[in-house]
Amino acid sequence: MTRRANDAPPSRETIRGVVVPAQWDSEYRVTGLLIACPGEREVRVGNLDAFPMLRLLERTEVVLTGTVEKDGFSETILIDRIQPVCGRTSRRRSCLHE
């Protein structure tokens, strides 16, 4: 991706949002995801192939850490770490509790 002069350089960030399907193949399998964050911010997942288990977390709130690249109004995260955020009823031990 070529960066324009007015685009910010990639930055390491931790973002929180809900995993939402954003792209499908001809057999309706999810091939792209985005993270819907507060304030109508949407960040596309750029390295989904490295984290295929993220597809299992559709409609789940997560905290992601990675490098965010901004291109005009769109943002893409290259994920390093995923942490699901769980509600009070969840029994997952690997979740962040509010």
N, C-alpha and C. Protein backbone atom coordinates (compact mmCIF):
# COMPACT_ATOMS: atom_id res chain seq x y z
N MET A 1 0.85 -1.17 0.00
CA MET A 1 0.00 0.00 0.00
C MET A 1 0.90 1.23 0.00
N THR A 2 0.71 2.14 -0.92
CA THR A 2 1.47 3.37 -0.99
C THR A 2 0.81 4.43 -0.12
N ARG A 3 1.63 5.08 0.68
CA ARG A 3 1.10 6.08 1.59
C ARG A 3 1.15 7.46 0.94
N ARG A 4 0.02 8.17 1.00
CA ARG A 4 -0.03 9.54 0.50
C ARG A 4 0.54 10.47 1.56
N ALA A 5 0.90 11.68 1.17
CA ALA A 5 1.52 12.63 2.09
C ALA A 5 0.65 12.96 3.29
N ASN A 6 -0.69 12.97 3.13
CA ASN A 6 -1.57 13.36 4.24
C ASN A 6 -1.99 12.17 5.10
N ASP A 7 -1.53 10.96 4.80
CA ASP A 7 -1.85 9.79 5.60
C ASP A 7 -0.85 9.66 6.74
N ALA A 8 -1.35 9.22 7.90
CA ALA A 8 -0.48 9.02 9.05
C ALA A 8 0.35 7.76 8.85
N PRO A 9 1.57 7.75 9.39
CA PRO A 9 2.37 6.52 9.31
C PRO A 9 1.73 5.43 10.17
N PRO A 10 2.01 4.16 9.88
CA PRO A 10 1.44 3.09 10.69
C PRO A 10 1.81 3.28 12.16
N SER A 11 0.89 2.94 13.06
CA SER A 11 1.15 3.08 14.48
C SER A 11 0.66 1.85 15.22
N ARG A 12 1.34 1.51 16.29
CA ARG A 12 0.93 0.37 17.12
C ARG A 12 -0.18 0.86 18.04
N GLU A 13 -1.31 0.13 18.03
CA GLU A 13 -2.48 0.53 18.82
C GLU A 13 -3.14 -0.68 19.44
N THR A 14 -3.89 -0.42 20.49
CA THR A 14 -4.81 -1.40 21.06
C THR A 14 -6.20 -0.84 20.85
N ILE A 15 -7.05 -1.60 20.15
CA ILE A 15 -8.41 -1.14 19.86
C ILE A 15 -9.40 -2.12 20.45
N ARG A 16 -10.59 -1.61 20.74
CA ARG A 16 -11.66 -2.44 21.30
C ARG A 16 -12.89 -2.25 20.44
N GLY A 17 -13.54 -3.36 20.07
CA GLY A 17 -14.74 -3.28 19.25
C GLY A 17 -15.34 -4.66 19.01
N VAL A 18 -16.36 -4.69 18.18
CA VAL A 18 -17.10 -5.92 17.88
C VAL A 18 -16.66 -6.45 16.51
N VAL A 19 -16.43 -7.75 16.43
CA VAL A 19 -16.02 -8.40 15.18
C VAL A 19 -17.24 -8.52 14.27
N VAL A 20 -17.14 -7.98 13.05
CA VAL A 20 -18.26 -7.95 12.11
C VAL A 20 -17.80 -8.49 10.75
N PRO A 21 -18.56 -9.40 10.12
CA PRO A 21 -18.20 -9.85 8.77
C PRO A 21 -18.28 -8.68 7.79
N ALA A 22 -17.34 -8.62 6.87
CA ALA A 22 -17.31 -7.51 5.92
C ALA A 22 -17.17 -7.95 4.47
N GLN A 23 -16.85 -9.22 4.25
CA GLN A 23 -16.64 -9.71 2.88
C GLN A 23 -16.89 -11.21 2.86
N TRP A 24 -17.49 -11.69 1.74
CA TRP A 24 -17.83 -13.10 1.59
C TRP A 24 -17.38 -13.59 0.22
N ASP A 25 -17.15 -14.92 0.11
CA ASP A 25 -16.84 -15.49 -1.19
C ASP A 25 -18.14 -15.96 -1.86
N SER A 26 -18.02 -16.63 -3.01
CA SER A 26 -19.21 -17.05 -3.76
C SER A 26 -20.03 -18.12 -3.04
N GLU A 27 -19.44 -18.77 -2.04
CA GLU A 27 -20.16 -19.78 -1.26
C GLU A 27 -20.57 -19.23 0.11
N TYR A 28 -20.55 -17.93 0.24
CA TYR A 28 -20.99 -17.21 1.45
C TYR A 28 -20.15 -17.51 2.68
N ARG A 29 -18.90 -17.85 2.48
CA ARG A 29 -17.97 -17.98 3.59
C ARG A 29 -17.34 -16.62 3.84
N VAL A 30 -17.17 -16.28 5.09
CA VAL A 30 -16.59 -14.98 5.44
C VAL A 30 -15.11 -14.97 5.05
N THR A 31 -14.73 -13.96 4.27
CA THR A 31 -13.34 -13.82 3.84
C THR A 31 -12.72 -12.52 4.32
N GLY A 32 -13.52 -11.67 4.95
CA GLY A 32 -13.01 -10.41 5.47
C GLY A 32 -13.79 -9.97 6.69
N LEU A 33 -13.08 -9.41 7.65
CA LEU A 33 -13.72 -8.92 8.88
C LEU A 33 -13.32 -7.48 9.13
N LEU A 34 -14.15 -6.79 9.87
CA LEU A 34 -13.77 -5.49 10.38
C LEU A 34 -14.15 -5.43 11.85
N ILE A 35 -13.55 -4.49 12.54
CA ILE A 35 -13.82 -4.28 13.95
C ILE A 35 -14.61 -2.98 14.05
N ALA A 36 -15.85 -3.09 14.55
CA ALA A 36 -16.71 -1.92 14.74
C ALA A 36 -16.41 -1.36 16.13
N CYS A 37 -15.79 -0.20 16.15
CA CYS A 37 -15.35 0.44 17.40
C CYS A 37 -16.31 1.56 17.78
N PRO A 38 -16.23 2.04 19.01
CA PRO A 38 -17.06 3.19 19.41
C PRO A 38 -16.81 4.39 18.50
N GLY A 39 -17.81 5.24 18.39
CA GLY A 39 -17.69 6.44 17.57
C GLY A 39 -17.73 6.18 16.09
N GLU A 40 -18.35 5.08 15.68
CA GLU A 40 -18.50 4.71 14.27
C GLU A 40 -17.18 4.44 13.56
N ARG A 41 -16.13 4.18 14.30
CA ARG A 41 -14.84 3.82 13.71
C ARG A 41 -14.89 2.37 13.27
N GLU A 42 -14.46 2.10 12.06
CA GLU A 42 -14.39 0.74 11.52
C GLU A 42 -12.97 0.47 11.07
N VAL A 43 -12.39 -0.62 11.58
CA VAL A 43 -11.02 -0.97 11.25
C VAL A 43 -11.02 -2.35 10.61
N ARG A 44 -10.55 -2.44 9.38
CA ARG A 44 -10.51 -3.71 8.64
C ARG A 44 -9.34 -4.55 9.15
N VAL A 45 -9.54 -5.86 9.22
CA VAL A 45 -8.48 -6.79 9.63
C VAL A 45 -7.67 -7.13 8.39
N GLY A 46 -6.39 -6.81 8.40
CA GLY A 46 -5.54 -7.00 7.23
C GLY A 46 -4.85 -8.34 7.16
N ASN A 47 -4.72 -9.03 8.28
CA ASN A 47 -4.01 -10.32 8.28
C ASN A 47 -4.88 -11.43 8.86
N LEU A 48 -6.10 -11.53 8.35
CA LEU A 48 -7.05 -12.54 8.83
C LEU A 48 -6.50 -13.96 8.65
N ASP A 49 -5.74 -14.20 7.59
CA ASP A 49 -5.18 -15.54 7.36
C ASP A 49 -4.27 -15.99 8.51
N ALA A 50 -3.64 -15.05 9.20
CA ALA A 50 -2.77 -15.38 10.33
C ALA A 50 -3.56 -15.65 11.61
N PHE A 51 -4.82 -15.21 11.65
CA PHE A 51 -5.68 -15.37 12.83
C PHE A 51 -7.06 -15.89 12.41
N PRO A 52 -7.13 -17.10 11.80
CA PRO A 52 -8.42 -17.60 11.31
C PRO A 52 -9.45 -17.81 12.42
N MET A 53 -8.98 -18.00 13.67
CA MET A 53 -9.92 -18.19 14.78
C MET A 53 -10.75 -16.94 15.04
N LEU A 54 -10.34 -15.81 14.51
CA LEU A 54 -11.12 -14.58 14.69
C LEU A 54 -12.50 -14.71 14.06
N ARG A 55 -12.63 -15.54 13.03
CA ARG A 55 -13.95 -15.77 12.41
C ARG A 55 -14.93 -16.38 13.42
N LEU A 56 -14.43 -17.14 14.37
CA LEU A 56 -15.28 -17.76 15.39
C LEU A 56 -15.80 -16.75 16.40
N LEU A 57 -15.24 -15.56 16.40
CA LEU A 57 -15.62 -14.52 17.36
C LEU A 57 -16.54 -13.47 16.75
N GLU A 58 -17.19 -13.80 15.62
CA GLU A 58 -18.14 -12.85 15.01
C GLU A 58 -19.15 -12.39 16.05
N ARG A 59 -19.46 -11.11 16.01
CA ARG A 59 -20.43 -10.48 16.92
C ARG A 59 -19.99 -10.56 18.38
N THR A 60 -18.69 -10.69 18.60
CA THR A 60 -18.12 -10.71 19.95
C THR A 60 -17.24 -9.49 20.12
N GLU A 61 -17.26 -8.91 21.30
CA GLU A 61 -16.39 -7.78 21.58
C GLU A 61 -14.98 -8.31 21.87
N VAL A 62 -13.99 -7.66 21.27
CA VAL A 62 -12.60 -8.07 21.43
C VAL A 62 -11.72 -6.85 21.67
N VAL A 63 -10.54 -7.12 22.20
CA VAL A 63 -9.48 -6.12 22.28
C VAL A 63 -8.35 -6.65 21.41
N LEU A 64 -7.93 -5.85 20.44
CA LEU A 64 -6.87 -6.24 19.51
C LEU A 64 -5.68 -5.31 19.66
N THR A 65 -4.50 -5.87 19.57
CA THR A 65 -3.29 -5.07 19.55
C THR A 65 -2.58 -5.37 18.24
N GLY A 66 -2.11 -4.31 17.58
CA GLY A 66 -1.41 -4.49 16.32
C GLY A 66 -1.03 -3.16 15.70
N THR A 67 -0.61 -3.22 14.47
CA THR A 67 -0.21 -2.03 13.73
C THR A 67 -1.37 -1.55 12.88
N VAL A 68 -1.77 -0.29 13.06
CA VAL A 68 -2.88 0.28 12.31
C VAL A 68 -2.33 1.18 11.22
N GLU A 69 -2.75 0.90 9.99
CA GLU A 69 -2.38 1.72 8.83
C GLU A 69 -3.60 2.52 8.41
N LYS A 70 -3.41 3.81 8.19
CA LYS A 70 -4.50 4.69 7.78
C LYS A 70 -4.26 5.13 6.35
N ASP A 71 -5.30 5.00 5.52
CA ASP A 71 -5.23 5.40 4.12
C ASP A 71 -6.46 6.25 3.84
N GLY A 72 -6.31 7.55 3.95
CA GLY A 72 -7.47 8.42 3.81
C GLY A 72 -8.40 8.21 4.98
N PHE A 73 -9.64 7.77 4.69
CA PHE A 73 -10.61 7.53 5.74
C PHE A 73 -10.65 6.08 6.20
N SER A 74 -9.96 5.18 5.52
CA SER A 74 -10.01 3.76 5.90
C SER A 74 -8.81 3.41 6.78
N GLU A 75 -9.03 2.42 7.65
CA GLU A 75 -7.98 1.95 8.55
C GLU A 75 -7.93 0.42 8.47
N THR A 76 -6.72 -0.11 8.56
CA THR A 76 -6.50 -1.55 8.55
C THR A 76 -5.56 -1.89 9.69
N ILE A 77 -5.89 -2.96 10.44
CA ILE A 77 -5.02 -3.41 11.52
C ILE A 77 -4.36 -4.72 11.13
N LEU A 78 -3.06 -4.81 11.37
CA LEU A 78 -2.31 -6.05 11.25
C LEU A 78 -2.15 -6.55 12.68
N ILE A 79 -2.91 -7.57 13.03
CA ILE A 79 -3.07 -8.00 14.41
C ILE A 79 -1.83 -8.74 14.92
N ASP A 80 -1.47 -8.43 16.17
CA ASP A 80 -0.43 -9.18 16.89
C ASP A 80 -1.06 -10.02 18.00
N ARG A 81 -2.16 -9.50 18.59
CA ARG A 81 -2.76 -10.15 19.77
C ARG A 81 -4.26 -9.94 19.78
N ILE A 82 -5.01 -10.99 20.15
CA ILE A 82 -6.48 -10.94 20.27
C ILE A 82 -6.86 -11.32 21.69
N GLN A 83 -7.78 -10.56 22.27
CA GLN A 83 -8.32 -10.90 23.59
C GLN A 83 -9.82 -10.68 23.58
N PRO A 84 -10.64 -11.75 23.69
CA PRO A 84 -12.09 -11.56 23.76
C PRO A 84 -12.47 -10.85 25.06
N VAL A 85 -13.52 -10.03 25.00
CA VAL A 85 -14.07 -9.37 26.18
C VAL A 85 -15.34 -10.13 26.51
N CYS A 86 -15.45 -10.61 27.72
CA CYS A 86 -16.58 -11.47 28.08
C CYS A 86 -17.55 -10.76 29.01
N GLY A 87 -18.80 -11.13 28.88
CA GLY A 87 -19.82 -10.63 29.79
C GLY A 87 -19.79 -11.39 31.11
N ARG A 88 -20.67 -11.03 31.99
CA ARG A 88 -20.72 -11.64 33.32
C ARG A 88 -21.04 -13.13 33.28
N THR A 89 -21.75 -13.59 32.24
CA THR A 89 -22.18 -14.99 32.19
C THR A 89 -21.16 -15.91 31.54
N SER A 90 -20.12 -15.35 30.95
CA SER A 90 -19.14 -16.18 30.25
C SER A 90 -18.27 -16.95 31.24
N ARG A 91 -17.90 -18.18 30.84
CA ARG A 91 -17.02 -19.00 31.67
C ARG A 91 -15.64 -19.13 31.04
N ARG A 92 -15.37 -18.40 29.97
CA ARG A 92 -14.06 -18.47 29.33
C ARG A 92 -13.00 -17.93 30.28
N ARG A 93 -11.93 -18.67 30.42
CA ARG A 93 -10.85 -18.21 31.29
C ARG A 93 -9.95 -17.20 30.58
N SER A 94 -9.98 -17.17 29.26
CA SER A 94 -9.08 -16.31 28.51
C SER A 94 -9.69 -14.95 28.19
N CYS A 95 -10.75 -14.58 28.87
CA CYS A 95 -11.45 -13.33 28.57
C CYS A 95 -11.02 -12.21 29.50
N LEU A 96 -11.21 -10.99 29.00
CA LEU A 96 -11.05 -9.80 29.84
C LEU A 96 -12.40 -9.54 30.48
N HIS A 97 -12.46 -9.34 31.76
CA HIS A 97 -13.72 -9.04 32.43
C HIS A 97 -13.80 -7.55 32.71
N GLU A 98 -14.99 -7.02 32.52
CA GLU A 98 -15.17 -5.59 32.73
C GLU A 98 -15.30 -5.28 34.20
